[in-house]
Amino acid sequence: MKYKLLFSFILTITGFHSFAQSFSLPAGCIQFTPTEMKWIDTLSTLPKGTSFCLLYGDIKQEGPFAVRLKFPPNLFLKKHYHAKDEVVTVLEGTISVGFSDRTPPGLKAFNAGSFYVNAANVEHYVMVGPEGATIQINAMGPWTITYK
């Protein structure tokens, strides 16, 4: 009896595994595991050493998008702004954000699990912690960065 149950269990798992491998997503659905994400070294508008991964949408077109950025340790991203709201979730590391009317002591640090929004056309600057940082940005395209 034990062996029949074990054999039945193995067939069920094997059958399920085969089904899962042949499953295709409905139109418009997107799913990535970390190993399936495609990273590029940088965009021309981002500092050298930054890695970029497009998860959803097109940052150059109208409409929603989601991207991930990996920043190297101790990066300083000078004052800049975006034409549309930038919704940010910190996934790893620490990132600090300041605004044009404040000096670096006015920075607020955000560690993994944190969330913030940089409103459209609000100048801000970013300092990355000593361990680097990975963030996810959700916004509406086209995404622009205007440095001051």
N, C-alpha and C. Protein backbone atom coordinates (compact mmCIF):
# COMPACT_ATOMS: atom_id res chain seq x y z
N MET A 1 0.82 -1.19 0.00
CA MET A 1 0.00 0.00 0.00
C MET A 1 0.87 1.26 0.00
N LYS A 2 1.96 1.26 0.83
CA LYS A 2 2.84 2.41 0.87
C LYS A 2 3.45 2.68 -0.49
N TYR A 3 3.86 1.60 -1.18
CA TYR A 3 4.50 1.76 -2.47
C TYR A 3 3.52 2.28 -3.52
N LYS A 4 2.26 1.82 -3.47
CA LYS A 4 1.26 2.30 -4.41
C LYS A 4 1.04 3.80 -4.21
N LEU A 5 0.97 4.24 -2.96
CA LEU A 5 0.79 5.66 -2.68
C LEU A 5 2.00 6.47 -3.15
N LEU A 6 3.17 5.94 -2.89
CA LEU A 6 4.39 6.63 -3.31
C LEU A 6 4.45 6.71 -4.83
N PHE A 7 4.15 5.61 -5.52
CA PHE A 7 4.16 5.59 -6.97
C PHE A 7 3.13 6.56 -7.53
N SER A 8 1.93 6.57 -6.96
CA SER A 8 0.88 7.48 -7.38
C SER A 8 1.31 8.94 -7.19
N PHE A 9 1.96 9.20 -6.06
CA PHE A 9 2.46 10.53 -5.76
C PHE A 9 3.51 10.97 -6.79
N ILE A 10 4.43 10.06 -7.12
CA ILE A 10 5.48 10.37 -8.11
C ILE A 10 4.86 10.64 -9.47
N LEU A 11 3.88 9.84 -9.89
CA LEU A 11 3.22 10.07 -11.17
C LEU A 11 2.51 11.41 -11.19
N THR A 12 1.87 11.74 -10.09
CA THR A 12 1.16 13.01 -10.01
C THR A 12 2.13 14.16 -10.14
N ILE A 13 3.25 14.11 -9.42
CA ILE A 13 4.24 15.18 -9.49
C ILE A 13 4.85 15.25 -10.88
N THR A 14 5.21 14.11 -11.45
CA THR A 14 5.82 14.08 -12.77
C THR A 14 4.84 14.61 -13.81
N GLY A 15 3.61 14.21 -13.72
CA GLY A 15 2.59 14.70 -14.65
C GLY A 15 2.39 16.19 -14.49
N PHE A 16 2.35 16.65 -13.27
CA PHE A 16 2.18 18.08 -13.02
C PHE A 16 3.38 18.84 -13.55
N HIS A 17 4.58 18.31 -13.32
CA HIS A 17 5.80 18.97 -13.78
C HIS A 17 5.77 19.10 -15.31
N SER A 18 5.36 18.04 -16.00
CA SER A 18 5.29 18.09 -17.46
C SER A 18 4.27 19.12 -17.92
N PHE A 19 3.14 19.17 -17.22
CA PHE A 19 2.10 20.15 -17.55
C PHE A 19 2.63 21.57 -17.35
N ALA A 20 3.32 21.80 -16.23
CA ALA A 20 3.83 23.12 -15.92
C ALA A 20 4.84 23.58 -16.98
N GLN A 21 5.64 22.67 -17.49
CA GLN A 21 6.64 23.03 -18.50
C GLN A 21 5.99 23.40 -19.82
N SER A 22 4.84 22.82 -20.14
CA SER A 22 4.21 23.08 -21.43
C SER A 22 3.16 24.19 -21.35
N PHE A 23 2.94 24.74 -20.18
CA PHE A 23 1.94 25.77 -19.97
C PHE A 23 2.37 27.08 -20.63
N SER A 24 1.48 27.70 -21.37
CA SER A 24 1.79 29.01 -21.95
C SER A 24 0.87 30.04 -21.31
N LEU A 25 1.39 31.24 -21.15
CA LEU A 25 0.65 32.31 -20.49
C LEU A 25 -0.41 32.90 -21.39
N PRO A 26 -1.51 33.35 -20.81
CA PRO A 26 -2.50 34.07 -21.61
C PRO A 26 -1.89 35.37 -22.16
N ALA A 27 -2.42 35.85 -23.26
CA ALA A 27 -1.92 37.08 -23.88
C ALA A 27 -1.91 38.22 -22.87
N GLY A 28 -0.82 38.97 -22.87
CA GLY A 28 -0.69 40.12 -21.99
C GLY A 28 -0.11 39.82 -20.63
N CYS A 29 0.00 38.55 -20.26
CA CYS A 29 0.56 38.18 -18.97
C CYS A 29 2.07 38.02 -19.09
N ILE A 30 2.79 38.43 -18.06
CA ILE A 30 4.24 38.34 -18.04
C ILE A 30 4.66 37.75 -16.71
N GLN A 31 5.60 36.82 -16.73
CA GLN A 31 6.13 36.22 -15.51
C GLN A 31 7.62 36.01 -15.67
N PHE A 32 8.39 36.41 -14.65
CA PHE A 32 9.83 36.21 -14.64
C PHE A 32 10.26 35.67 -13.29
N THR A 33 11.13 34.71 -13.29
CA THR A 33 11.88 34.38 -12.09
C THR A 33 13.18 35.19 -12.19
N PRO A 34 13.91 35.35 -11.09
CA PRO A 34 15.14 36.14 -11.18
C PRO A 34 16.12 35.65 -12.25
N THR A 35 16.20 34.34 -12.47
CA THR A 35 17.15 33.83 -13.47
C THR A 35 16.69 34.10 -14.91
N GLU A 36 15.42 34.41 -15.10
CA GLU A 36 14.91 34.68 -16.44
C GLU A 36 15.00 36.16 -16.83
N MET A 37 15.32 37.01 -15.87
CA MET A 37 15.40 38.45 -16.14
C MET A 37 16.63 38.76 -16.97
N LYS A 38 16.47 39.62 -17.96
CA LYS A 38 17.56 40.02 -18.85
C LYS A 38 18.09 41.38 -18.41
N TRP A 39 19.34 41.41 -17.97
CA TRP A 39 19.98 42.64 -17.51
C TRP A 39 20.94 43.14 -18.57
N ILE A 40 20.98 44.47 -18.75
CA ILE A 40 22.00 45.08 -19.61
C ILE A 40 22.87 45.97 -18.73
N ASP A 41 24.07 46.24 -19.19
CA ASP A 41 25.03 46.98 -18.37
C ASP A 41 24.54 48.37 -17.98
N THR A 42 23.96 49.12 -18.89
CA THR A 42 23.47 50.45 -18.53
C THR A 42 22.69 51.04 -19.69
N LEU A 43 21.98 52.10 -19.41
CA LEU A 43 21.38 52.94 -20.44
C LEU A 43 22.27 54.17 -20.56
N SER A 44 22.22 54.84 -21.67
CA SER A 44 23.08 56.02 -21.85
C SER A 44 22.76 57.13 -20.86
N THR A 45 21.55 57.14 -20.33
CA THR A 45 21.14 58.20 -19.40
C THR A 45 21.48 57.88 -17.94
N LEU A 46 21.96 56.67 -17.68
CA LEU A 46 22.27 56.27 -16.30
C LEU A 46 23.79 56.19 -16.10
N PRO A 47 24.24 56.38 -14.87
CA PRO A 47 25.69 56.33 -14.60
C PRO A 47 26.30 54.97 -14.93
N LYS A 48 27.57 55.02 -15.34
CA LYS A 48 28.32 53.80 -15.63
C LYS A 48 28.31 52.90 -14.39
N GLY A 49 28.18 51.60 -14.61
CA GLY A 49 28.13 50.65 -13.51
C GLY A 49 26.72 50.27 -13.10
N THR A 50 25.73 50.98 -13.65
CA THR A 50 24.33 50.69 -13.35
C THR A 50 23.84 49.60 -14.31
N SER A 51 23.14 48.61 -13.77
CA SER A 51 22.52 47.57 -14.60
C SER A 51 21.03 47.84 -14.70
N PHE A 52 20.44 47.49 -15.83
CA PHE A 52 19.05 47.81 -16.15
C PHE A 52 18.33 46.56 -16.62
N CYS A 53 17.10 46.35 -16.13
CA CYS A 53 16.27 45.23 -16.56
C CYS A 53 14.85 45.73 -16.82
N LEU A 54 14.39 45.60 -18.04
CA LEU A 54 13.02 45.95 -18.38
C LEU A 54 12.12 44.77 -18.06
N LEU A 55 11.13 44.98 -17.19
CA LEU A 55 10.21 43.91 -16.81
C LEU A 55 8.92 43.95 -17.61
N TYR A 56 8.46 45.17 -17.91
CA TYR A 56 7.14 45.32 -18.51
C TYR A 56 7.06 46.65 -19.23
N GLY A 57 6.41 46.67 -20.38
CA GLY A 57 6.17 47.90 -21.10
C GLY A 57 7.37 48.37 -21.89
N ASP A 58 7.35 49.65 -22.23
CA ASP A 58 8.42 50.26 -23.03
C ASP A 58 8.66 51.65 -22.46
N ILE A 59 9.84 51.89 -21.95
CA ILE A 59 10.13 53.17 -21.30
C ILE A 59 10.10 54.35 -22.27
N LYS A 60 10.15 54.07 -23.57
CA LYS A 60 10.18 55.15 -24.57
C LYS A 60 8.79 55.48 -25.11
N GLN A 61 7.80 54.69 -24.75
CA GLN A 61 6.44 54.87 -25.28
C GLN A 61 5.46 55.27 -24.18
N GLU A 62 4.33 55.85 -24.59
CA GLU A 62 3.25 56.14 -23.65
C GLU A 62 2.75 54.83 -23.05
N GLY A 63 2.46 54.84 -21.78
CA GLY A 63 1.90 53.67 -21.12
C GLY A 63 2.73 53.23 -19.93
N PRO A 64 2.19 52.28 -19.17
CA PRO A 64 2.88 51.82 -17.96
C PRO A 64 4.11 50.97 -18.28
N PHE A 65 5.08 51.04 -17.37
CA PHE A 65 6.26 50.19 -17.48
C PHE A 65 6.77 49.86 -16.08
N ALA A 66 7.60 48.82 -16.01
CA ALA A 66 8.29 48.44 -14.78
C ALA A 66 9.72 48.07 -15.15
N VAL A 67 10.69 48.64 -14.43
CA VAL A 67 12.09 48.34 -14.64
C VAL A 67 12.76 48.10 -13.29
N ARG A 68 13.89 47.43 -13.34
CA ARG A 68 14.75 47.28 -12.16
C ARG A 68 16.11 47.86 -12.50
N LEU A 69 16.68 48.54 -11.52
CA LEU A 69 18.02 49.11 -11.65
C LEU A 69 18.88 48.60 -10.53
N LYS A 70 20.10 48.16 -10.87
CA LYS A 70 21.11 47.78 -9.87
C LYS A 70 22.17 48.85 -9.90
N PHE A 71 22.33 49.54 -8.77
CA PHE A 71 23.33 50.59 -8.66
C PHE A 71 24.57 50.06 -7.96
N PRO A 72 25.75 50.48 -8.41
CA PRO A 72 26.99 50.07 -7.73
C PRO A 72 27.11 50.80 -6.39
N PRO A 73 27.96 50.29 -5.50
CA PRO A 73 28.16 50.93 -4.19
C PRO A 73 28.60 52.38 -4.32
N ASN A 74 28.10 53.20 -3.39
CA ASN A 74 28.53 54.59 -3.21
C ASN A 74 28.31 55.50 -4.42
N LEU A 75 27.40 55.14 -5.29
CA LEU A 75 27.09 55.96 -6.46
C LEU A 75 26.38 57.23 -6.02
N PHE A 76 26.71 58.34 -6.63
CA PHE A 76 25.98 59.59 -6.43
C PHE A 76 25.34 59.96 -7.75
N LEU A 77 24.01 60.05 -7.77
CA LEU A 77 23.27 60.42 -8.97
C LEU A 77 22.87 61.88 -8.80
N LYS A 78 23.51 62.75 -9.59
CA LYS A 78 23.33 64.19 -9.39
C LYS A 78 21.88 64.62 -9.58
N LYS A 79 21.61 65.86 -9.20
CA LYS A 79 20.27 66.41 -9.24
C LYS A 79 19.63 66.20 -10.61
N HIS A 80 18.40 65.73 -10.59
CA HIS A 80 17.67 65.48 -11.82
C HIS A 80 16.17 65.46 -11.53
N TYR A 81 15.38 65.34 -12.58
CA TYR A 81 13.94 65.18 -12.41
C TYR A 81 13.39 64.36 -13.57
N HIS A 82 12.14 63.92 -13.39
CA HIS A 82 11.45 63.10 -14.38
C HIS A 82 10.16 63.81 -14.77
N ALA A 83 9.71 63.65 -16.00
CA ALA A 83 8.50 64.31 -16.48
C ALA A 83 7.23 63.72 -15.87
N LYS A 84 7.32 62.50 -15.36
CA LYS A 84 6.15 61.84 -14.77
C LYS A 84 6.54 61.25 -13.42
N ASP A 85 5.53 60.98 -12.58
CA ASP A 85 5.80 60.38 -11.27
C ASP A 85 6.62 59.11 -11.41
N GLU A 86 7.52 58.91 -10.46
CA GLU A 86 8.39 57.74 -10.42
C GLU A 86 8.10 57.00 -9.12
N VAL A 87 7.53 55.81 -9.23
CA VAL A 87 7.15 55.00 -8.07
C VAL A 87 8.25 53.97 -7.83
N VAL A 88 8.90 54.04 -6.65
CA VAL A 88 10.12 53.26 -6.40
C VAL A 88 9.94 52.32 -5.22
N THR A 89 10.36 51.07 -5.40
CA THR A 89 10.44 50.09 -4.32
C THR A 89 11.90 49.65 -4.22
N VAL A 90 12.45 49.72 -3.01
CA VAL A 90 13.84 49.30 -2.80
C VAL A 90 13.82 47.80 -2.53
N LEU A 91 14.55 47.03 -3.35
CA LEU A 91 14.57 45.57 -3.23
C LEU A 91 15.78 45.08 -2.44
N GLU A 92 16.92 45.72 -2.62
CA GLU A 92 18.16 45.33 -1.93
C GLU A 92 18.98 46.58 -1.64
N GLY A 93 19.74 46.53 -0.57
CA GLY A 93 20.66 47.62 -0.26
C GLY A 93 19.96 48.82 0.33
N THR A 94 20.65 49.96 0.25
CA THR A 94 20.14 51.22 0.78
C THR A 94 20.34 52.31 -0.25
N ILE A 95 19.33 53.12 -0.41
CA ILE A 95 19.38 54.25 -1.32
C ILE A 95 18.83 55.46 -0.57
N SER A 96 19.50 56.59 -0.70
CA SER A 96 19.07 57.81 -0.02
C SER A 96 18.66 58.84 -1.06
N VAL A 97 17.60 59.57 -0.75
CA VAL A 97 17.05 60.56 -1.68
C VAL A 97 17.00 61.92 -1.00
N GLY A 98 17.42 62.94 -1.73
CA GLY A 98 17.34 64.32 -1.25
C GLY A 98 16.74 65.19 -2.33
N PHE A 99 16.33 66.39 -1.94
CA PHE A 99 15.69 67.31 -2.88
C PHE A 99 16.53 68.55 -3.04
N SER A 100 16.28 69.31 -4.10
CA SER A 100 17.15 70.42 -4.48
C SER A 100 17.30 71.48 -3.40
N ASP A 101 16.31 71.64 -2.54
CA ASP A 101 16.40 72.67 -1.52
C ASP A 101 17.05 72.18 -0.22
N ARG A 102 17.59 70.99 -0.25
CA ARG A 102 18.23 70.42 0.94
C ARG A 102 19.67 70.05 0.61
N THR A 103 20.49 70.00 1.62
CA THR A 103 21.87 69.54 1.44
C THR A 103 21.94 68.07 1.83
N PRO A 104 23.03 67.38 1.52
CA PRO A 104 23.11 65.95 1.82
C PRO A 104 22.68 65.55 3.25
N PRO A 105 22.88 66.36 4.30
CA PRO A 105 22.35 65.92 5.59
C PRO A 105 20.82 65.76 5.59
N GLY A 106 20.14 66.35 4.59
CA GLY A 106 18.69 66.24 4.49
C GLY A 106 18.22 64.99 3.75
N LEU A 107 19.15 64.13 3.41
CA LEU A 107 18.79 62.89 2.72
C LEU A 107 17.99 61.97 3.63
N LYS A 108 17.07 61.23 3.04
CA LYS A 108 16.36 60.19 3.78
C LYS A 108 16.78 58.85 3.20
N ALA A 109 17.20 57.93 4.07
CA ALA A 109 17.66 56.60 3.63
C ALA A 109 16.49 55.63 3.56
N PHE A 110 16.50 54.82 2.51
CA PHE A 110 15.48 53.79 2.29
C PHE A 110 16.20 52.46 2.12
N ASN A 111 15.89 51.50 2.97
CA ASN A 111 16.52 50.18 2.85
C ASN A 111 15.54 49.20 2.20
N ALA A 112 15.96 47.95 2.04
CA ALA A 112 15.14 46.94 1.37
C ALA A 112 13.74 46.88 1.98
N GLY A 113 12.75 46.87 1.12
CA GLY A 113 11.36 46.84 1.55
C GLY A 113 10.72 48.23 1.57
N SER A 114 11.53 49.27 1.42
CA SER A 114 11.01 50.64 1.45
C SER A 114 10.35 51.02 0.13
N PHE A 115 9.56 52.09 0.21
CA PHE A 115 8.79 52.57 -0.94
C PHE A 115 8.77 54.09 -0.91
N TYR A 116 8.89 54.72 -2.07
CA TYR A 116 8.74 56.17 -2.15
C TYR A 116 8.31 56.57 -3.56
N VAL A 117 7.81 57.79 -3.69
CA VAL A 117 7.42 58.33 -4.98
C VAL A 117 8.12 59.66 -5.17
N ASN A 118 8.80 59.81 -6.30
CA ASN A 118 9.34 61.10 -6.71
C ASN A 118 8.31 61.69 -7.67
N ALA A 119 7.68 62.79 -7.26
CA ALA A 119 6.63 63.40 -8.09
C ALA A 119 7.23 63.99 -9.36
N ALA A 120 6.42 64.08 -10.39
CA ALA A 120 6.84 64.63 -11.67
C ALA A 120 7.43 66.02 -11.49
N ASN A 121 8.55 66.27 -12.18
CA ASN A 121 9.21 67.57 -12.24
C ASN A 121 9.79 68.06 -10.92
N VAL A 122 9.92 67.20 -9.93
CA VAL A 122 10.54 67.57 -8.66
C VAL A 122 12.00 67.15 -8.69
N GLU A 123 12.89 68.11 -8.55
CA GLU A 123 14.32 67.82 -8.58
C GLU A 123 14.72 67.02 -7.34
N HIS A 124 15.53 66.00 -7.57
CA HIS A 124 16.02 65.18 -6.47
C HIS A 124 17.39 64.60 -6.85
N TYR A 125 18.10 64.13 -5.86
CA TYR A 125 19.38 63.46 -6.10
C TYR A 125 19.40 62.20 -5.26
N VAL A 126 20.29 61.28 -5.62
CA VAL A 126 20.30 59.94 -5.02
C VAL A 126 21.73 59.59 -4.62
N MET A 127 21.85 59.00 -3.44
CA MET A 127 23.13 58.44 -2.99
C MET A 127 22.89 56.97 -2.65
N VAL A 128 23.73 56.10 -3.20
CA VAL A 128 23.62 54.66 -2.96
C VAL A 128 24.56 54.27 -1.83
N GLY A 129 24.08 53.38 -0.98
CA GLY A 129 24.87 52.92 0.16
C GLY A 129 26.08 52.10 -0.24
N PRO A 130 26.92 51.77 0.73
CA PRO A 130 28.19 51.06 0.47
C PRO A 130 28.01 49.63 -0.05
N GLU A 131 26.81 49.07 0.05
CA GLU A 131 26.58 47.71 -0.45
C GLU A 131 25.92 47.72 -1.83
N GLY A 132 25.67 48.93 -2.40
CA GLY A 132 24.95 49.01 -3.65
C GLY A 132 23.46 48.94 -3.37
N ALA A 133 22.64 48.98 -4.40
CA ALA A 133 21.19 48.92 -4.22
C ALA A 133 20.52 48.43 -5.49
N THR A 134 19.40 47.75 -5.32
CA THR A 134 18.54 47.35 -6.43
C THR A 134 17.16 47.93 -6.16
N ILE A 135 16.63 48.65 -7.15
CA ILE A 135 15.30 49.24 -7.01
C ILE A 135 14.41 48.80 -8.16
N GLN A 136 13.11 48.89 -7.94
CA GLN A 136 12.16 48.70 -9.02
C GLN A 136 11.40 50.00 -9.19
N ILE A 137 11.29 50.45 -10.43
CA ILE A 137 10.54 51.66 -10.75
C ILE A 137 9.32 51.27 -11.58
N ASN A 138 8.17 51.73 -11.16
CA ASN A 138 6.95 51.60 -11.92
C ASN A 138 6.51 53.02 -12.26
N ALA A 139 6.19 53.26 -13.52
CA ALA A 139 5.82 54.61 -13.93
C ALA A 139 5.08 54.53 -15.27
N MET A 140 4.75 55.70 -15.76
CA MET A 140 4.15 55.83 -17.08
C MET A 140 5.21 56.38 -18.02
N GLY A 141 5.31 55.78 -19.19
CA GLY A 141 6.26 56.24 -20.17
C GLY A 141 5.70 57.39 -20.97
N PRO A 142 6.53 58.05 -21.75
CA PRO A 142 7.95 57.81 -21.84
C PRO A 142 8.69 58.30 -20.58
N TRP A 143 9.74 57.55 -20.22
CA TRP A 143 10.54 57.87 -19.04
C TRP A 143 11.67 58.78 -19.47
N THR A 144 11.77 59.91 -18.80
CA THR A 144 12.85 60.85 -19.11
C THR A 144 13.60 61.19 -17.84
N ILE A 145 14.88 61.48 -18.00
CA ILE A 145 15.72 61.96 -16.90
C ILE A 145 16.38 63.24 -17.39
N THR A 146 16.11 64.31 -16.69
CA THR A 146 16.73 65.60 -17.04
C THR A 146 17.65 65.98 -15.90
N TYR A 147 18.95 66.01 -16.20
CA TYR A 147 19.94 66.35 -15.18
C TYR A 147 20.08 67.86 -15.08
N LYS A 148 20.35 68.34 -13.87
CA LYS A 148 20.55 69.79 -13.63
C LYS A 148 22.02 70.10 -13.54
